[in-house]
Amino acid sequence: MNRRVILLPILLTACSTAPAAIPVHGVTPGHKCVAEGTDRFIGRTGDSRSGGEIKRVTHAAVLRWAPPGKMLTMDYREDRVTIWLDAAYKITKIRCG
């Protein structure tokens, strides 16, 4: 019985500590997409090379392809760039979010 009384405050203290950093959905520290200057990619083929360049130019952490007919989620992520493609996989639009 005496051991339980001693251990109880220690266990309660260990359970009450909050984590050091709480992750926030849609935010990658140091990454916020900026779509300015991406017009030069319109009309290019959507492939890993152009995707990597767009990701680098926009400072996005996440790249999302939007081929024709694909449904996209409506959640907003400030660290994501979305690249829309036509039937020939040419880039038609680039937006952040």
PDB file of N, CA and C in Angstrom:
ATOM      1  N   MET A   1       0.824  -1.192   0.000  1.00  0.00           N
ATOM      2  CA  MET A   1       0.000   0.000   0.000  1.00  0.00           C
ATOM      3  C   MET A   1       0.865   1.251   0.000  1.00  0.00           C
ATOM      4  N   ASN A   2       1.927   1.239   0.809  1.00  0.00           N
ATOM      5  CA  ASN A   2       2.807   2.383   0.932  1.00  0.00           C
ATOM      6  C   ASN A   2       3.482   2.715  -0.397  1.00  0.00           C
ATOM      7  N   ARG A   3       3.851   1.712  -1.190  1.00  0.00           N
ATOM      8  CA  ARG A   3       4.503   1.928  -2.493  1.00  0.00           C
ATOM      9  C   ARG A   3       3.560   2.622  -3.472  1.00  0.00           C
ATOM     10  N   ARG A   4       2.284   2.259  -3.413  1.00  0.00           N
ATOM     11  CA  ARG A   4       1.298   2.871  -4.307  1.00  0.00           C
ATOM     12  C   ARG A   4       1.159   4.361  -4.028  1.00  0.00           C
ATOM     13  N   VAL A   5       1.167   4.722  -2.795  1.00  0.00           N
ATOM     14  CA  VAL A   5       1.031   6.128  -2.407  1.00  0.00           C
ATOM     15  C   VAL A   5       2.227   6.933  -2.917  1.00  0.00           C
ATOM     16  N   ILE A   6       3.383   6.377  -2.902  1.00  0.00           N
ATOM     17  CA  ILE A   6       4.588   7.073  -3.361  1.00  0.00           C
ATOM     18  C   ILE A   6       4.613   7.173  -4.886  1.00  0.00           C
ATOM     19  N   LEU A   7       4.212   6.117  -5.573  1.00  0.00           N
ATOM     20  CA  LEU A   7       4.267   6.093  -7.029  1.00  0.00           C
ATOM     21  C   LEU A   7       3.166   6.897  -7.700  1.00  0.00           C
ATOM     22  N   LEU A   8       2.031   7.047  -7.075  1.00  0.00           N
ATOM     23  CA  LEU A   8       0.906   7.740  -7.681  1.00  0.00           C
ATOM     24  C   LEU A   8       1.241   9.171  -8.115  1.00  0.00           C
ATOM     25  N   PRO A   9       1.818  10.025  -7.283  1.00  0.00           N
ATOM     26  CA  PRO A   9       2.159  11.385  -7.735  1.00  0.00           C
ATOM     27  C   PRO A   9       3.172  11.390  -8.886  1.00  0.00           C
ATOM     28  N   ILE A  10       4.089  10.460  -8.879  1.00  0.00           N
ATOM     29  CA  ILE A  10       5.089  10.391  -9.948  1.00  0.00           C
ATOM     30  C   ILE A  10       4.418  10.037 -11.275  1.00  0.00           C
ATOM     31  N   LEU A  11       3.536   9.055 -11.246  1.00  0.00           N
ATOM     32  CA  LEU A  11       2.840   8.644 -12.456  1.00  0.00           C
ATOM     33  C   LEU A  11       1.924   9.740 -12.987  1.00  0.00           C
ATOM     34  N   LEU A  12       1.240  10.432 -12.114  1.00  0.00           N
ATOM     35  CA  LEU A  12       0.363  11.519 -12.543  1.00  0.00           C
ATOM     36  C   LEU A  12       1.145  12.667 -13.158  1.00  0.00           C
ATOM     37  N   THR A  13       2.287  12.973 -12.621  1.00  0.00           N
ATOM     38  CA  THR A  13       3.130  14.028 -13.175  1.00  0.00           C
ATOM     39  C   THR A  13       3.619  13.653 -14.565  1.00  0.00           C
ATOM     40  N   ALA A  14       4.003  12.420 -14.762  1.00  0.00           N
ATOM     41  CA  ALA A  14       4.484  11.956 -16.067  1.00  0.00           C
ATOM     42  C   ALA A  14       3.387  12.019 -17.108  1.00  0.00           C
ATOM     43  N   CYS A  15       2.151  11.782 -16.739  1.00  0.00           N
ATOM     44  CA  CYS A  15       1.031  11.793 -17.685  1.00  0.00           C
ATOM     45  C   CYS A  15       0.581  13.204 -18.040  1.00  0.00           C
ATOM     46  N   SER A  16       0.873  14.169 -17.212  1.00  0.00           N
ATOM     47  CA  SER A  16       0.345  15.509 -17.426  1.00  0.00           C
ATOM     48  C   SER A  16       1.244  16.409 -18.263  1.00  0.00           C
ATOM     49  N   THR A  17       2.415  15.957 -18.633  1.00  0.00           N
ATOM     50  CA  THR A  17       3.301  16.822 -19.407  1.00  0.00           C
ATOM     51  C   THR A  17       2.852  16.861 -20.857  1.00  0.00           C
ATOM     52  N   ALA A  18       2.823  18.032 -21.442  1.00  0.00           N
ATOM     53  CA  ALA A  18       2.409  18.230 -22.834  1.00  0.00           C
ATOM     54  C   ALA A  18       3.601  18.001 -23.758  1.00  0.00           C
ATOM     55  N   PRO A  19       3.342  17.604 -25.001  1.00  0.00           N
ATOM     56  CA  PRO A  19       4.448  17.439 -25.948  1.00  0.00           C
ATOM     57  C   PRO A  19       5.116  18.779 -26.243  1.00  0.00           C
ATOM     58  N   ALA A  20       6.378  18.733 -26.632  1.00  0.00           N
ATOM     59  CA  ALA A  20       7.141  19.960 -26.879  1.00  0.00           C
ATOM     60  C   ALA A  20       6.594  20.725 -28.078  1.00  0.00           C
ATOM     61  N   ALA A  21       6.235  20.032 -29.144  1.00  0.00           N
ATOM     62  CA  ALA A  21       5.719  20.695 -30.332  1.00  0.00           C
ATOM     63  C   ALA A  21       4.487  19.951 -30.825  1.00  0.00           C
ATOM     64  N   ILE A  22       3.427  20.686 -31.046  1.00  0.00           N
ATOM     65  CA  ILE A  22       2.192  20.095 -31.541  1.00  0.00           C
ATOM     66  C   ILE A  22       2.155  20.280 -33.057  1.00  0.00           C
ATOM     67  N   PRO A  23       2.140  19.183 -33.835  1.00  0.00           N
ATOM     68  CA  PRO A  23       2.105  19.325 -35.286  1.00  0.00           C
ATOM     69  C   PRO A  23       0.776  19.920 -35.747  1.00  0.00           C
ATOM     70  N   VAL A  24       0.820  20.763 -36.739  1.00  0.00           N
ATOM     71  CA  VAL A  24      -0.362  21.395 -37.296  1.00  0.00           C
ATOM     72  C   VAL A  24      -0.532  20.883 -38.715  1.00  0.00           C
ATOM     73  N   HIS A  25      -1.714  20.363 -39.037  1.00  0.00           N
ATOM     74  CA  HIS A  25      -1.984  19.825 -40.371  1.00  0.00           C
ATOM     75  C   HIS A  25      -1.867  20.939 -41.410  1.00  0.00           C
ATOM     76  N   GLY A  26      -1.146  20.654 -42.466  1.00  0.00           N
ATOM     77  CA  GLY A  26      -1.035  21.604 -43.564  1.00  0.00           C
ATOM     78  C   GLY A  26       0.090  22.601 -43.411  1.00  0.00           C
ATOM     79  N   VAL A  27       0.924  22.434 -42.417  1.00  0.00           N
ATOM     80  CA  VAL A  27       2.020  23.373 -42.210  1.00  0.00           C
ATOM     81  C   VAL A  27       3.315  22.585 -42.029  1.00  0.00           C
ATOM     82  N   THR A  28       4.269  22.855 -42.913  1.00  0.00           N
ATOM     83  CA  THR A  28       5.599  22.299 -42.769  1.00  0.00           C
ATOM     84  C   THR A  28       6.518  23.467 -42.462  1.00  0.00           C
ATOM     85  N   PRO A  29       7.137  23.493 -41.303  1.00  0.00           N
ATOM     86  CA  PRO A  29       7.983  24.626 -40.938  1.00  0.00           C
ATOM     87  C   PRO A  29       8.996  24.958 -42.036  1.00  0.00           C
ATOM     88  N   GLY A  30       9.059  26.235 -42.384  1.00  0.00           N
ATOM     89  CA  GLY A  30       9.995  26.697 -43.399  1.00  0.00           C
ATOM     90  C   GLY A  30       9.476  26.592 -44.822  1.00  0.00           C
ATOM     91  N   HIS A  31       8.248  26.129 -45.006  1.00  0.00           N
ATOM     92  CA  HIS A  31       7.682  25.978 -46.347  1.00  0.00           C
ATOM     93  C   HIS A  31       6.326  26.662 -46.430  1.00  0.00           C
ATOM     94  N   LYS A  32       6.235  27.653 -47.298  1.00  0.00           N
ATOM     95  CA  LYS A  32       4.960  28.293 -47.610  1.00  0.00           C
ATOM     96  C   LYS A  32       4.957  28.542 -49.107  1.00  0.00           C
ATOM     97  N   CYS A  33       4.029  27.908 -49.791  1.00  0.00           N
ATOM     98  CA  CYS A  33       3.975  27.976 -51.248  1.00  0.00           C
ATOM     99  C   CYS A  33       3.688  29.394 -51.730  1.00  0.00           C
ATOM    100  N   VAL A  34       4.433  29.833 -52.738  1.00  0.00           N
ATOM    101  CA  VAL A  34       4.225  31.114 -53.408  1.00  0.00           C
ATOM    102  C   VAL A  34       4.233  30.821 -54.904  1.00  0.00           C
ATOM    103  N   ALA A  35       3.086  31.028 -55.575  1.00  0.00           N
ATOM    104  CA  ALA A  35       2.941  30.639 -56.977  1.00  0.00           C
ATOM    105  C   ALA A  35       3.434  31.697 -57.971  1.00  0.00           C
ATOM    106  N   GLU A  36       3.909  32.816 -57.507  1.00  0.00           N
ATOM    107  CA  GLU A  36       4.403  33.858 -58.411  1.00  0.00           C
ATOM    108  C   GLU A  36       5.586  33.339 -59.222  1.00  0.00           C
ATOM    109  N   GLY A  37       5.582  33.624 -60.521  1.00  0.00           N
ATOM    110  CA  GLY A  37       6.683  33.216 -61.382  1.00  0.00           C
ATOM    111  C   GLY A  37       6.559  31.808 -61.938  1.00  0.00           C
ATOM    112  N   THR A  38       5.403  31.199 -61.771  1.00  0.00           N
ATOM    113  CA  THR A  38       5.234  29.832 -62.276  1.00  0.00           C
ATOM    114  C   THR A  38       4.602  29.789 -63.663  1.00  0.00           C
ATOM    115  N   ASP A  39       4.250  30.929 -64.232  1.00  0.00           N
ATOM    116  CA  ASP A  39       3.641  30.956 -65.568  1.00  0.00           C
ATOM    117  C   ASP A  39       4.562  30.352 -66.624  1.00  0.00           C
ATOM    118  N   ARG A  40       5.839  30.390 -66.419  1.00  0.00           N
ATOM    119  CA  ARG A  40       6.791  29.867 -67.407  1.00  0.00           C
ATOM    120  C   ARG A  40       6.682  28.354 -67.573  1.00  0.00           C
ATOM    121  N   PHE A  41       6.022  27.677 -66.619  1.00  0.00           N
ATOM    122  CA  PHE A  41       5.862  26.221 -66.699  1.00  0.00           C
ATOM    123  C   PHE A  41       4.600  25.806 -67.458  1.00  0.00           C
ATOM    124  N   ILE A  42       3.686  26.736 -67.691  1.00  0.00           N
ATOM    125  CA  ILE A  42       2.444  26.422 -68.401  1.00  0.00           C
ATOM    126  C   ILE A  42       2.786  25.955 -69.823  1.00  0.00           C
ATOM    127  N   GLY A  43       2.201  24.825 -70.210  1.00  0.00           N
ATOM    128  CA  GLY A  43       2.459  24.248 -71.525  1.00  0.00           C
ATOM    129  C   GLY A  43       3.556  23.195 -71.536  1.00  0.00           C
ATOM    130  N   ARG A  44       4.360  23.141 -70.498  1.00  0.00           N
ATOM    131  CA  ARG A  44       5.403  22.109 -70.416  1.00  0.00           C
ATOM    132  C   ARG A  44       4.799  20.779 -70.008  1.00  0.00           C
ATOM    133  N   THR A  45       5.500  19.712 -70.281  1.00  0.00           N
ATOM    134  CA  THR A  45       5.050  18.381 -69.892  1.00  0.00           C
ATOM    135  C   THR A  45       5.171  18.217 -68.383  1.00  0.00           C
ATOM    136  N   GLY A  46       4.114  17.656 -67.797  1.00  0.00           N
ATOM    137  CA  GLY A  46       4.123  17.407 -66.357  1.00  0.00           C
ATOM    138  C   GLY A  46       4.849  16.114 -66.045  1.00  0.00           C
ATOM    139  N   ASP A  47       6.080  16.221 -65.602  1.00  0.00           N
ATOM    140  CA  ASP A  47       6.879  15.040 -65.253  1.00  0.00           C
ATOM    141  C   ASP A  47       7.654  15.336 -63.972  1.00  0.00           C
ATOM    142  N   SER A  48       8.470  14.396 -63.547  1.00  0.00           N
ATOM    143  CA  SER A  48       9.191  14.574 -62.285  1.00  0.00           C
ATOM    144  C   SER A  48      10.155  15.754 -62.334  1.00  0.00           C
ATOM    145  N   ARG A  49      10.721  16.007 -63.500  1.00  0.00           N
ATOM    146  CA  ARG A  49      11.670  17.127 -63.611  1.00  0.00           C
ATOM    147  C   ARG A  49      10.952  18.467 -63.448  1.00  0.00           C
ATOM    148  N   SER A  50       9.877  18.663 -64.220  1.00  0.00           N
ATOM    149  CA  SER A  50       9.155  19.939 -64.104  1.00  0.00           C
ATOM    150  C   SER A  50       8.511  20.058 -62.723  1.00  0.00           C
ATOM    151  N   GLY A  51       8.017  18.949 -62.164  1.00  0.00           N
ATOM    152  CA  GLY A  51       7.440  18.983 -60.825  1.00  0.00           C
ATOM    153  C   GLY A  51       8.448  19.395 -59.778  1.00  0.00           C
ATOM    154  N   GLY A  52       9.650  18.868 -59.881  1.00  0.00           N
ATOM    155  CA  GLY A  52      10.707  19.239 -58.943  1.00  0.00           C
ATOM    156  C   GLY A  52      11.089  20.705 -59.048  1.00  0.00           C
ATOM    157  N   GLU A  53      11.138  21.209 -60.286  1.00  0.00           N
ATOM    158  CA  GLU A  53      11.457  22.635 -60.481  1.00  0.00           C
ATOM    159  C   GLU A  53      10.359  23.516 -59.900  1.00  0.00           C
ATOM    160  N   ILE A  54       9.108  23.138 -60.145  1.00  0.00           N
ATOM    161  CA  ILE A  54       7.989  23.925 -59.618  1.00  0.00           C
ATOM    162  C   ILE A  54       7.989  23.903 -58.092  1.00  0.00           C
ATOM    163  N   LYS A  55       8.241  22.756 -57.521  1.00  0.00           N
ATOM    164  CA  LYS A  55       8.295  22.637 -56.059  1.00  0.00           C
ATOM    165  C   LYS A  55       9.396  23.523 -55.485  1.00  0.00           C
ATOM    166  N   ARG A  56      10.530  23.553 -56.156  1.00  0.00           N
ATOM    167  CA  ARG A  56      11.658  24.379 -55.696  1.00  0.00           C
ATOM    168  C   ARG A  56      11.328  25.871 -55.824  1.00  0.00           C
ATOM    169  N   VAL A  57      10.768  26.268 -56.974  1.00  0.00           N
ATOM    170  CA  VAL A  57      10.464  27.684 -57.233  1.00  0.00           C
ATOM    171  C   VAL A  57       9.385  28.206 -56.277  1.00  0.00           C
ATOM    172  N   THR A  58       8.396  27.373 -55.967  1.00  0.00           N
ATOM    173  CA  THR A  58       7.294  27.810 -55.109  1.00  0.00           C
ATOM    174  C   THR A  58       7.587  27.660 -53.621  1.00  0.00           C
ATOM    175  N   HIS A  59       8.683  27.000 -53.263  1.00  0.00           N
ATOM    176  CA  HIS A  59       9.050  26.740 -51.860  1.00  0.00           C
ATOM    177  C   HIS A  59       8.037  25.825 -51.166  1.00  0.00           C
ATOM    178  N   ALA A  60       7.331  24.993 -51.934  1.00  0.00           N
ATOM    179  CA  ALA A  60       6.344  24.072 -51.369  1.00  0.00           C
ATOM    180  C   ALA A  60       7.034  22.822 -50.819  1.00  0.00           C
ATOM    181  N   ALA A  61       6.439  22.235 -49.810  1.00  0.00           N
ATOM    182  CA  ALA A  61       6.947  20.973 -49.261  1.00  0.00           C
ATOM    183  C   ALA A  61       6.237  19.786 -49.889  1.00  0.00           C
ATOM    184  N   VAL A  62       5.028  20.028 -50.404  1.00  0.00           N
ATOM    185  CA  VAL A  62       4.197  18.962 -50.964  1.00  0.00           C
ATOM    186  C   VAL A  62       3.798  19.335 -52.387  1.00  0.00           C
ATOM    187  N   LEU A  63       3.903  18.349 -53.281  1.00  0.00           N
ATOM    188  CA  LEU A  63       3.514  18.543 -54.680  1.00  0.00           C
ATOM    189  C   LEU A  63       2.334  17.621 -54.971  1.00  0.00           C
ATOM    190  N   ARG A  64       1.268  18.177 -55.575  1.00  0.00           N
ATOM    191  CA  ARG A  64       0.092  17.371 -55.911  1.00  0.00           C
ATOM    192  C   ARG A  64      -0.216  17.543 -57.391  1.00  0.00           C
ATOM    193  N   TRP A  65      -0.314  16.406 -58.092  1.00  0.00           N
ATOM    194  CA  TRP A  65      -0.659  16.398 -59.511  1.00  0.00           C
ATOM    195  C   TRP A  65      -2.173  16.293 -59.643  1.00  0.00           C
ATOM    196  N   ALA A  66      -2.737  16.999 -60.622  1.00  0.00           N
ATOM    197  CA  ALA A  66      -4.177  16.956 -60.873  1.00  0.00           C
ATOM    198  C   ALA A  66      -4.410  16.652 -62.351  1.00  0.00           C
ATOM    199  N   PRO A  67      -4.315  15.366 -62.726  1.00  0.00           N
ATOM    200  CA  PRO A  67      -4.602  15.003 -64.106  1.00  0.00           C
ATOM    201  C   PRO A  67      -6.099  15.130 -64.393  1.00  0.00           C
ATOM    202  N   PRO A  68      -6.495  15.152 -65.671  1.00  0.00           N
ATOM    203  CA  PRO A  68      -7.917  15.319 -65.984  1.00  0.00           C
ATOM    204  C   PRO A  68      -8.767  14.203 -65.375  1.00  0.00           C
ATOM    205  N   GLY A  69      -9.912  14.581 -64.834  1.00  0.00           N
ATOM    206  CA  GLY A  69     -10.830  13.617 -64.250  1.00  0.00           C
ATOM    207  C   GLY A  69     -10.528  13.217 -62.825  1.00  0.00           C
ATOM    208  N   LYS A  70      -9.422  13.672 -62.271  1.00  0.00           N
ATOM    209  CA  LYS A  70      -9.075  13.301 -60.896  1.00  0.00           C
ATOM    210  C   LYS A  70      -9.774  14.246 -59.920  1.00  0.00           C
ATOM    211  N   MET A  71     -10.391  13.663 -58.911  1.00  0.00           N
ATOM    212  CA  MET A  71     -11.031  14.475 -57.882  1.00  0.00           C
ATOM    213  C   MET A  71      -9.984  14.859 -56.839  1.00  0.00           C
ATOM    214  N   LEU A  72     -10.074  16.091 -56.370  1.00  0.00           N
ATOM    215  CA  LEU A  72      -9.129  16.596 -55.374  1.00  0.00           C
ATOM    216  C   LEU A  72      -9.860  16.951 -54.097  1.00  0.00           C
ATOM    217  N   THR A  73      -9.166  16.832 -52.994  1.00  0.00           N
ATOM    218  CA  THR A  73      -9.741  17.267 -51.725  1.00  0.00           C
ATOM    219  C   THR A  73      -9.761  18.785 -51.687  1.00  0.00           C
ATOM    220  N   MET A  74     -10.647  19.331 -50.901  1.00  0.00           N
ATOM    221  CA  MET A  74     -10.772  20.783 -50.803  1.00  0.00           C
ATOM    222  C   MET A  74      -9.999  21.356 -49.618  1.00  0.00           C
ATOM    223  N   ASP A  75      -9.234  20.526 -48.910  1.00  0.00           N
ATOM    224  CA  ASP A  75      -8.477  21.032 -47.774  1.00  0.00           C
ATOM    225  C   ASP A  75      -7.373  21.968 -48.261  1.00  0.00           C
ATOM    226  N   TYR A  76      -7.133  22.994 -47.497  1.00  0.00           N
ATOM    227  CA  TYR A  76      -6.111  23.972 -47.857  1.00  0.00           C
ATOM    228  C   TYR A  76      -4.835  23.655 -47.097  1.00  0.00           C
ATOM    229  N   ARG A  77      -3.742  23.605 -47.827  1.00  0.00           N
ATOM    230  CA  ARG A  77      -2.420  23.419 -47.222  1.00  0.00           C
ATOM    231  C   ARG A  77      -1.508  24.513 -47.759  1.00  0.00           C
ATOM    232  N   GLU A  78      -1.015  25.341 -46.892  1.00  0.00           N
ATOM    233  CA  GLU A  78      -0.158  26.444 -47.336  1.00  0.00           C
ATOM    234  C   GLU A  78       1.208  25.961 -47.803  1.00  0.00           C
ATOM    235  N   ASP A  79       1.542  24.704 -47.521  1.00  0.00           N
ATOM    236  CA  ASP A  79       2.842  24.169 -47.925  1.00  0.00           C
ATOM    237  C   ASP A  79       2.749  23.281 -49.175  1.00  0.00           C
ATOM    238  N   ARG A  80       1.599  23.342 -49.895  1.00  0.00           N
ATOM    239  CA  ARG A  80       1.392  22.456 -51.045  1.00  0.00           C
ATOM    240  C   ARG A  80       1.174  23.252 -52.328  1.00  0.00           C
ATOM    241  N   VAL A  81       1.736  22.727 -53.421  1.00  0.00           N
ATOM    242  CA  VAL A  81       1.476  23.269 -54.750  1.00  0.00           C
ATOM    243  C   VAL A  81       0.732  22.199 -55.545  1.00  0.00           C
ATOM    244  N   THR A  82      -0.303  22.626 -56.270  1.00  0.00           N
ATOM    245  CA  THR A  82      -1.085  21.719 -57.107  1.00  0.00           C
ATOM    246  C   THR A  82      -0.856  22.091 -58.558  1.00  0.00           C
ATOM    247  N   ILE A  83      -0.587  21.064 -59.373  1.00  0.00           N
ATOM    248  CA  ILE A  83      -0.315  21.261 -60.800  1.00  0.00           C
ATOM    249  C   ILE A  83      -1.393  20.539 -61.598  1.00  0.00           C
ATOM    250  N   TRP A  84      -2.194  21.298 -62.358  1.00  0.00           N
ATOM    251  CA  TRP A  84      -3.236  20.721 -63.199  1.00  0.00           C
ATOM    252  C   TRP A  84      -2.663  20.365 -64.562  1.00  0.00           C
ATOM    253  N   LEU A  85      -3.109  19.234 -65.086  1.00  0.00           N
ATOM    254  CA  LEU A  85      -2.636  18.727 -66.371  1.00  0.00           C
ATOM    255  C   LEU A  85      -3.809  18.515 -67.318  1.00  0.00           C
ATOM    256  N   ASP A  86      -3.534  18.612 -68.638  1.00  0.00           N
ATOM    257  CA  ASP A  86      -4.559  18.271 -69.624  1.00  0.00           C
ATOM    258  C   ASP A  86      -4.393  16.800 -70.030  1.00  0.00           C
ATOM    259  N   ALA A  87      -5.153  16.364 -71.039  1.00  0.00           N
ATOM    260  CA  ALA A  87      -5.125  14.955 -71.457  1.00  0.00           C
ATOM    261  C   ALA A  87      -3.757  14.524 -71.987  1.00  0.00           C
ATOM    262  N   ALA A  88      -2.985  15.471 -72.507  1.00  0.00           N
ATOM    263  CA  ALA A  88      -1.648  15.173 -73.033  1.00  0.00           C
ATOM    264  C   ALA A  88      -0.567  15.356 -71.963  1.00  0.00           C
ATOM    265  N   TYR A  89      -0.984  15.537 -70.722  1.00  0.00           N
ATOM    266  CA  TYR A  89      -0.086  15.758 -69.580  1.00  0.00           C
ATOM    267  C   TYR A  89       0.761  17.021 -69.717  1.00  0.00           C
ATOM    268  N   LYS A  90       0.163  18.034 -70.317  1.00  0.00           N
ATOM    269  CA  LYS A  90       0.774  19.360 -70.364  1.00  0.00           C
ATOM    270  C   LYS A  90       0.212  20.162 -69.186  1.00  0.00           C
ATOM    271  N   ILE A  91       1.044  20.969 -68.589  1.00  0.00           N
ATOM    272  CA  ILE A  91       0.640  21.770 -67.434  1.00  0.00           C
ATOM    273  C   ILE A  91      -0.282  22.895 -67.884  1.00  0.00           C
ATOM    274  N   THR A  92      -1.466  22.989 -67.254  1.00  0.00           N
ATOM    275  CA  THR A  92      -2.425  24.028 -67.607  1.00  0.00           C
ATOM    276  C   THR A  92      -2.584  25.082 -66.518  1.00  0.00           C
ATOM    277  N   LYS A  93      -2.335  24.701 -65.268  1.00  0.00           N
ATOM    278  CA  LYS A  93      -2.535  25.647 -64.162  1.00  0.00           C
ATOM    279  C   LYS A  93      -1.693  25.211 -62.980  1.00  0.00           C
ATOM    280  N   ILE A  94      -1.193  26.187 -62.211  1.00  0.00           N
ATOM    281  CA  ILE A  94      -0.398  25.928 -61.009  1.00  0.00           C
ATOM    282  C   ILE A  94      -0.931  26.853 -59.911  1.00  0.00           C
ATOM    283  N   ARG A  95      -1.326  26.252 -58.794  1.00  0.00           N
ATOM    284  CA  ARG A  95      -1.852  27.027 -57.673  1.00  0.00           C
ATOM    285  C   ARG A  95      -1.313  26.467 -56.362  1.00  0.00           C
ATOM    286  N   CYS A  96      -1.223  27.348 -55.363  1.00  0.00           N
ATOM    287  CA  CYS A  96      -0.855  26.923 -54.021  1.00  0.00           C
ATOM    288  C   CYS A  96      -2.116  26.530 -53.263  1.00  0.00           C
ATOM    289  N   GLY A  97      -1.927  25.689 -52.286  1.00  0.00           N
ATOM    290  CA  GLY A  97      -3.050  25.291 -51.442  1.00  0.00           C
ATOM    291  C   GLY A  97      -3.341  23.897 -51.614  1.00  0.00           C
TER     292      GLY A  97
END
